[in-house]
């Protein structure tokens, strides 16, 4: 038992040491941090709307509750000060003919309740402003206007957070692995993507970026150098009819950064393939972007995806997501260069070869029979 646990622990450490740092996680989050930013935090307060939307829910709800409670308590203090200055409180023993600025404010608690009722427009009718004090009327108008602003901003922020297209992107899923195999006679890198909702993404566009470290001829080392990766679908890579899972593929030709890679050297490479899907949400007309990434350990050479779409006897199309990331081993050239040379060789065999050293000489035939 102890030897088994030690073996598992050793394998876990070995796997952890081989784990590569990635810029984009499988669920699309970016693994990057900024240091020594010269601009102050004040620039984030200028764009307060975006700052509020980017906050996590626990911070957003804290600000939401604090904004309302803080405004209620602040104006409660102001109403208490008005009543105190006008000597409306019971400790001043006002006369029977005394008209207070606000009816039935007896202390800080009742002032807070009146502030709450005023800002949320409850209007119980027990406490109300009289025409005795211009200060109270001005404070009532100011709190009503400020309350509308706070309600609009905070409720709008909550609604925008809920309806963000980022949440729609969570119903778009990519296959766990990418595969490399032949498709249409060409060596291709294939990825499967599915829309888990029946509502479409309008104007969808798929593309990729290969991130790697390169050294320029001048000796400069560029970390996270980006190389464009073109993905296509049989129906085109734009305006996809994204109602069922699609298999997108990148043709590994001479212009592809995967051209000089082979099945034996793939795991020795240091790259990260980031795949993007941009589209417009049909229900809200908001644009969204879905991201995922693949490192060399997640690219399977010599495999293809299992079939996922079938047709039932009733004439309906059925998508079996159990096979969504399932792969099948297929015969595949171990490098694109070999496939390219093989095609050239077969093409030359069909056309034939010209032998420039071959010279046709004419032979004069003579007859040995003499007449």
Foldseek 3Di string as FASTA:
>chain_A
DVVVVVVVVVVVVVVVVLDDDDQAAFQGDGDDDDPPDPDDPVVCVVVVLVVLLPDDPVVLVVCLVCVLLVLLLVQLVVQQVQCVVLVVEVVSVDDPPDDTQKPPDHHSVVSSVVSNCLLVVVCPPRIDGDPPDPVSVVSSVVSNVVSVVSCCSSVVSVVCNVPPCSVQLSQKHKAQFWEWADDPLFIKIKIKIAGNDQFDFFFKAKWKWKFAWDADPVGDIDGRDTDTFDKAFPVGRTGDPRRGMTMIITTQDPPDPQQPPFQVCLSVGFIKMKMKMWGAGPPPRHIDITIRIDTSVRYHYQKDFDDFWDADPVGDIGGHCVRRNPIDGHDHGGHNVVSVVVVVVVVCVVVDDDDPPDDDDDDDDDDPDDD
